[in-house]
Amino acid sequence: MWALILVTLCALAFTGLTVAAGLEGLAGLTAESAIVSTFRLCRALFTTIPLAIIVGLLRFRLWDAERVISRTLVYGGLAALISSAYVGVVVVLSASLGPGRQPGSWTFSC
């Protein structure tokens, strides 16, 4: 939690400073370059959050590695299954309702 608070405060402070400098034209910054540099720094800052979580997990032995790996595999498999089902439905529907179809061309027979 402390890592999240610290990183968020640093990101907000840097964002405010670079936007102000970009608006005023200080240090050769334009508004666009201030946004780009803010994005790059915030992306680097926020990588510390997963690292803090990993250090906390390993330091306090909150999870066994076997449990984490098995859950990761199960959730990854579920995500892959749901994603492939979604893509399959979209492909089937786009093939049946694609641009070559005329309105009202559906024929149903029993």
N, C-alpha and C. Protein backbone atom coordinates (compact mmCIF):
# COMPACT_ATOMS: atom_id res chain seq x y z
N MET A 1 0.82 -1.19 0.00
CA MET A 1 0.00 0.00 0.00
C MET A 1 0.87 1.26 0.00
N TRP A 2 1.97 1.18 0.75
CA TRP A 2 2.85 2.35 0.77
C TRP A 2 3.49 2.59 -0.59
N ALA A 3 3.80 1.53 -1.31
CA ALA A 3 4.38 1.69 -2.64
C ALA A 3 3.39 2.36 -3.57
N LEU A 4 2.13 1.98 -3.48
CA LEU A 4 1.10 2.58 -4.32
C LEU A 4 0.93 4.06 -4.01
N ILE A 5 0.88 4.40 -2.73
CA ILE A 5 0.72 5.81 -2.34
C ILE A 5 1.91 6.63 -2.79
N LEU A 6 3.11 6.13 -2.54
CA LEU A 6 4.32 6.86 -2.92
C LEU A 6 4.41 7.06 -4.42
N VAL A 7 4.16 6.03 -5.19
CA VAL A 7 4.25 6.12 -6.64
C VAL A 7 3.18 7.07 -7.18
N THR A 8 1.97 7.00 -6.64
CA THR A 8 0.90 7.88 -7.10
C THR A 8 1.23 9.34 -6.80
N LEU A 9 1.74 9.63 -5.62
CA LEU A 9 2.09 11.01 -5.29
C LEU A 9 3.22 11.53 -6.18
N CYS A 10 4.22 10.69 -6.43
CA CYS A 10 5.32 11.09 -7.32
C CYS A 10 4.81 11.33 -8.74
N ALA A 11 3.94 10.47 -9.20
CA ALA A 11 3.41 10.62 -10.56
C ALA A 11 2.57 11.88 -10.66
N LEU A 12 1.75 12.17 -9.66
CA LEU A 12 0.93 13.39 -9.70
C LEU A 12 1.80 14.64 -9.65
N ALA A 13 2.82 14.63 -8.81
CA ALA A 13 3.72 15.79 -8.72
C ALA A 13 4.45 16.01 -10.04
N PHE A 14 4.99 14.96 -10.61
CA PHE A 14 5.72 15.10 -11.87
C PHE A 14 4.78 15.52 -12.99
N THR A 15 3.57 14.97 -13.01
CA THR A 15 2.61 15.35 -14.04
C THR A 15 2.29 16.83 -13.96
N GLY A 16 2.04 17.31 -12.76
CA GLY A 16 1.76 18.74 -12.59
C GLY A 16 2.91 19.62 -13.02
N LEU A 17 4.13 19.24 -12.64
CA LEU A 17 5.30 20.04 -13.01
C LEU A 17 5.54 20.05 -14.51
N THR A 18 5.44 18.90 -15.16
CA THR A 18 5.72 18.88 -16.60
C THR A 18 4.62 19.55 -17.41
N VAL A 19 3.38 19.41 -16.97
CA VAL A 19 2.30 20.09 -17.69
C VAL A 19 2.44 21.60 -17.54
N ALA A 20 2.77 22.06 -16.33
CA ALA A 20 2.97 23.49 -16.12
C ALA A 20 4.15 24.00 -16.95
N ALA A 21 5.23 23.24 -16.98
CA ALA A 21 6.40 23.64 -17.78
C ALA A 21 6.07 23.63 -19.26
N GLY A 22 5.27 22.66 -19.70
CA GLY A 22 4.89 22.60 -21.11
C GLY A 22 3.98 23.74 -21.50
N LEU A 23 3.08 24.12 -20.61
CA LEU A 23 2.18 25.23 -20.92
C LEU A 23 2.91 26.56 -20.93
N GLU A 24 3.89 26.70 -20.08
CA GLU A 24 4.65 27.94 -20.00
C GLU A 24 5.82 27.96 -20.99
N GLY A 25 6.15 26.81 -21.56
CA GLY A 25 7.27 26.74 -22.50
C GLY A 25 8.61 26.75 -21.81
N LEU A 26 8.66 26.40 -20.54
CA LEU A 26 9.91 26.38 -19.79
C LEU A 26 10.73 25.16 -20.17
N ALA A 27 12.02 25.28 -20.05
CA ALA A 27 12.97 24.18 -20.27
C ALA A 27 12.83 23.58 -21.66
N GLY A 28 12.33 24.35 -22.60
CA GLY A 28 12.22 23.87 -23.97
C GLY A 28 11.13 22.84 -24.18
N LEU A 29 10.21 22.71 -23.24
CA LEU A 29 9.13 21.73 -23.36
C LEU A 29 7.93 22.34 -24.06
N THR A 30 7.38 21.60 -24.98
CA THR A 30 6.08 21.96 -25.54
C THR A 30 5.02 21.16 -24.79
N ALA A 31 3.78 21.47 -25.02
CA ALA A 31 2.71 20.73 -24.33
C ALA A 31 2.74 19.26 -24.71
N GLU A 32 3.02 18.97 -25.98
CA GLU A 32 3.06 17.58 -26.44
C GLU A 32 4.24 16.82 -25.83
N SER A 33 5.41 17.43 -25.79
CA SER A 33 6.57 16.74 -25.22
C SER A 33 6.41 16.55 -23.71
N ALA A 34 5.69 17.46 -23.04
CA ALA A 34 5.42 17.28 -21.62
C ALA A 34 4.53 16.07 -21.38
N ILE A 35 3.54 15.89 -22.23
CA ILE A 35 2.65 14.73 -22.10
C ILE A 35 3.42 13.44 -22.35
N VAL A 36 4.28 13.43 -23.35
CA VAL A 36 5.06 12.23 -23.67
C VAL A 36 6.01 11.88 -22.54
N SER A 37 6.71 12.89 -22.00
CA SER A 37 7.64 12.59 -20.91
C SER A 37 6.90 12.16 -19.64
N THR A 38 5.72 12.72 -19.39
CA THR A 38 4.92 12.29 -18.25
C THR A 38 4.49 10.85 -18.41
N PHE A 39 4.05 10.49 -19.60
CA PHE A 39 3.63 9.11 -19.85
C PHE A 39 4.78 8.15 -19.63
N ARG A 40 5.95 8.48 -20.13
CA ARG A 40 7.10 7.59 -19.99
C ARG A 40 7.52 7.43 -18.54
N LEU A 41 7.52 8.51 -17.77
CA LEU A 41 7.92 8.42 -16.38
C LEU A 41 6.88 7.66 -15.56
N CYS A 42 5.60 7.93 -15.78
CA CYS A 42 4.56 7.25 -15.01
C CYS A 42 4.55 5.75 -15.31
N ARG A 43 4.81 5.39 -16.54
CA ARG A 43 4.88 3.97 -16.89
C ARG A 43 6.02 3.30 -16.12
N ALA A 44 7.15 3.99 -16.02
CA ALA A 44 8.28 3.43 -15.27
C ALA A 44 7.99 3.40 -13.78
N LEU A 45 7.33 4.44 -13.26
CA LEU A 45 7.01 4.48 -11.83
C LEU A 45 6.05 3.37 -11.43
N PHE A 46 5.05 3.14 -12.24
CA PHE A 46 4.02 2.18 -11.86
C PHE A 46 4.45 0.73 -12.01
N THR A 47 5.65 0.48 -12.55
CA THR A 47 6.15 -0.89 -12.55
C THR A 47 6.62 -1.30 -11.16
N THR A 48 6.79 -0.34 -10.26
CA THR A 48 7.20 -0.69 -8.90
C THR A 48 6.08 -1.35 -8.11
N ILE A 49 4.83 -1.16 -8.51
CA ILE A 49 3.71 -1.73 -7.78
C ILE A 49 3.72 -3.26 -7.85
N PRO A 50 3.80 -3.88 -9.04
CA PRO A 50 3.89 -5.34 -9.06
C PRO A 50 5.14 -5.87 -8.35
N LEU A 51 6.24 -5.12 -8.43
CA LEU A 51 7.45 -5.55 -7.73
C LEU A 51 7.24 -5.53 -6.22
N ALA A 52 6.55 -4.52 -5.70
CA ALA A 52 6.27 -4.46 -4.26
C ALA A 52 5.36 -5.61 -3.84
N ILE A 53 4.41 -5.97 -4.69
CA ILE A 53 3.52 -7.10 -4.38
C ILE A 53 4.31 -8.40 -4.34
N ILE A 54 5.19 -8.60 -5.30
CA ILE A 54 5.99 -9.82 -5.35
C ILE A 54 6.92 -9.91 -4.13
N VAL A 55 7.54 -8.79 -3.76
CA VAL A 55 8.42 -8.80 -2.58
C VAL A 55 7.62 -9.12 -1.33
N GLY A 56 6.43 -8.55 -1.20
CA GLY A 56 5.58 -8.85 -0.04
C GLY A 56 5.17 -10.31 0.01
N LEU A 57 4.84 -10.87 -1.14
CA LEU A 57 4.45 -12.29 -1.17
C LEU A 57 5.61 -13.20 -0.78
N LEU A 58 6.77 -12.89 -1.29
CA LEU A 58 7.92 -13.74 -0.99
C LEU A 58 8.44 -13.54 0.43
N ARG A 59 8.40 -12.31 0.90
CA ARG A 59 8.95 -12.02 2.22
C ARG A 59 8.10 -12.63 3.34
N PHE A 60 6.79 -12.51 3.21
CA PHE A 60 5.92 -12.99 4.27
C PHE A 60 5.32 -14.36 3.97
N ARG A 61 5.74 -14.98 2.89
CA ARG A 61 5.29 -16.32 2.50
C ARG A 61 3.77 -16.44 2.55
N LEU A 62 3.13 -15.50 1.84
CA LEU A 62 1.67 -15.48 1.86
C LEU A 62 1.06 -16.59 1.01
N TRP A 63 1.73 -16.98 -0.06
CA TRP A 63 1.22 -18.04 -0.91
C TRP A 63 2.31 -19.05 -1.17
N ASP A 64 1.91 -20.28 -1.28
CA ASP A 64 2.86 -21.30 -1.73
C ASP A 64 3.00 -21.19 -3.23
N ALA A 65 4.16 -21.50 -3.74
CA ALA A 65 4.39 -21.39 -5.18
C ALA A 65 3.51 -22.35 -5.95
N GLU A 66 3.29 -23.53 -5.39
CA GLU A 66 2.47 -24.53 -6.08
C GLU A 66 1.04 -24.03 -6.27
N ARG A 67 0.50 -23.40 -5.25
CA ARG A 67 -0.86 -22.88 -5.31
C ARG A 67 -0.96 -21.75 -6.33
N VAL A 68 0.02 -20.87 -6.35
CA VAL A 68 0.02 -19.75 -7.30
C VAL A 68 0.11 -20.26 -8.73
N ILE A 69 0.99 -21.22 -8.96
CA ILE A 69 1.16 -21.75 -10.32
C ILE A 69 -0.10 -22.45 -10.80
N SER A 70 -0.70 -23.26 -9.93
CA SER A 70 -1.90 -23.98 -10.36
C SER A 70 -3.06 -23.03 -10.63
N ARG A 71 -3.22 -22.02 -9.79
CA ARG A 71 -4.28 -21.04 -10.04
C ARG A 71 -4.01 -20.23 -11.30
N THR A 72 -2.75 -19.90 -11.53
CA THR A 72 -2.40 -19.16 -12.74
C THR A 72 -2.74 -19.97 -13.98
N LEU A 73 -2.42 -21.25 -13.95
CA LEU A 73 -2.73 -22.11 -15.09
C LEU A 73 -4.23 -22.25 -15.30
N VAL A 74 -4.99 -22.39 -14.22
CA VAL A 74 -6.45 -22.54 -14.34
C VAL A 74 -7.06 -21.26 -14.88
N TYR A 75 -6.70 -20.11 -14.30
CA TYR A 75 -7.28 -18.85 -14.76
C TYR A 75 -6.82 -18.50 -16.17
N GLY A 76 -5.57 -18.83 -16.50
CA GLY A 76 -5.09 -18.60 -17.86
C GLY A 76 -5.83 -19.47 -18.86
N GLY A 77 -6.07 -20.73 -18.49
CA GLY A 77 -6.84 -21.62 -19.36
C GLY A 77 -8.27 -21.15 -19.55
N LEU A 78 -8.89 -20.69 -18.46
CA LEU A 78 -10.25 -20.16 -18.58
C LEU A 78 -10.30 -18.93 -19.47
N ALA A 79 -9.32 -18.04 -19.30
CA ALA A 79 -9.28 -16.84 -20.14
C ALA A 79 -9.09 -17.21 -21.61
N ALA A 80 -8.23 -18.19 -21.90
CA ALA A 80 -8.02 -18.63 -23.28
C ALA A 80 -9.28 -19.27 -23.84
N LEU A 81 -9.96 -20.08 -23.05
CA LEU A 81 -11.19 -20.73 -23.50
C LEU A 81 -12.29 -19.71 -23.80
N ILE A 82 -12.48 -18.78 -22.90
CA ILE A 82 -13.52 -17.76 -23.11
C ILE A 82 -13.17 -16.88 -24.30
N SER A 83 -11.90 -16.51 -24.44
CA SER A 83 -11.48 -15.68 -25.57
C SER A 83 -11.67 -16.40 -26.90
N SER A 84 -11.30 -17.67 -26.95
CA SER A 84 -11.46 -18.41 -28.20
C SER A 84 -12.93 -18.63 -28.52
N ALA A 85 -13.78 -18.84 -27.51
CA ALA A 85 -15.22 -18.96 -27.76
C ALA A 85 -15.78 -17.66 -28.29
N TYR A 86 -15.34 -16.55 -27.74
CA TYR A 86 -15.80 -15.24 -28.22
C TYR A 86 -15.37 -15.02 -29.67
N VAL A 87 -14.11 -15.30 -29.98
CA VAL A 87 -13.62 -15.12 -31.34
C VAL A 87 -14.38 -16.04 -32.29
N GLY A 88 -14.65 -17.27 -31.87
CA GLY A 88 -15.41 -18.20 -32.71
C GLY A 88 -16.81 -17.69 -33.01
N VAL A 89 -17.50 -17.18 -31.99
CA VAL A 89 -18.84 -16.63 -32.20
C VAL A 89 -18.80 -15.44 -33.13
N VAL A 90 -17.83 -14.58 -32.96
CA VAL A 90 -17.72 -13.40 -33.83
C VAL A 90 -17.44 -13.80 -35.27
N VAL A 91 -16.57 -14.78 -35.48
CA VAL A 91 -16.26 -15.23 -36.84
C VAL A 91 -17.48 -15.87 -37.49
N VAL A 92 -18.19 -16.71 -36.75
CA VAL A 92 -19.39 -17.35 -37.31
C VAL A 92 -20.45 -16.32 -37.64
N LEU A 93 -20.68 -15.38 -36.74
CA LEU A 93 -21.70 -14.36 -37.00
C LEU A 93 -21.30 -13.43 -38.14
N SER A 94 -20.03 -13.08 -38.22
CA SER A 94 -19.61 -12.20 -39.32
C SER A 94 -19.67 -12.92 -40.65
N ALA A 95 -19.44 -14.23 -40.66
CA ALA A 95 -19.54 -14.99 -41.91
C ALA A 95 -21.00 -15.13 -42.34
N SER A 96 -21.90 -15.29 -41.38
CA SER A 96 -23.30 -15.47 -41.74
C SER A 96 -24.02 -14.15 -41.96
N LEU A 97 -23.57 -13.08 -41.33
CA LEU A 97 -24.21 -11.78 -41.48
C LEU A 97 -23.31 -10.79 -42.20
N GLY A 98 -22.34 -11.28 -42.92
CA GLY A 98 -21.34 -10.44 -43.55
C GLY A 98 -21.89 -9.52 -44.63
N PRO A 99 -21.00 -8.78 -45.28
CA PRO A 99 -21.42 -7.79 -46.27
C PRO A 99 -22.05 -8.39 -47.53
N GLY A 100 -21.82 -9.67 -47.80
CA GLY A 100 -22.39 -10.30 -48.98
C GLY A 100 -23.87 -10.64 -48.83
N ARG A 101 -24.40 -10.58 -47.65
CA ARG A 101 -25.80 -10.92 -47.39
C ARG A 101 -26.72 -9.75 -47.72
N GLN A 102 -27.87 -10.08 -48.27
CA GLN A 102 -28.89 -9.07 -48.55
C GLN A 102 -29.87 -9.02 -47.38
N PRO A 103 -30.42 -7.85 -47.07
CA PRO A 103 -31.40 -7.80 -46.00
C PRO A 103 -32.60 -8.69 -46.30
N GLY A 104 -33.05 -9.42 -45.34
CA GLY A 104 -34.20 -10.29 -45.50
C GLY A 104 -33.88 -11.59 -46.21
N SER A 105 -32.58 -11.96 -46.33
CA SER A 105 -32.23 -13.18 -47.04
C SER A 105 -32.21 -14.40 -46.14
N TRP A 106 -32.64 -14.26 -44.92
CA TRP A 106 -32.69 -15.39 -44.01
C TRP A 106 -33.86 -16.29 -44.38
N THR A 107 -33.60 -17.54 -44.55
CA THR A 107 -34.66 -18.50 -44.79
C THR A 107 -34.55 -19.57 -43.74
N PHE A 108 -35.63 -19.84 -43.10
CA PHE A 108 -35.67 -20.87 -42.07
C PHE A 108 -36.51 -22.02 -42.57
N SER A 109 -36.01 -23.21 -42.41
CA SER A 109 -36.81 -24.38 -42.78
C SER A 109 -36.74 -25.36 -41.63
N CYS A 110 -37.84 -26.03 -41.40
CA CYS A 110 -37.90 -26.98 -40.30
C CYS A 110 -37.75 -28.39 -40.79
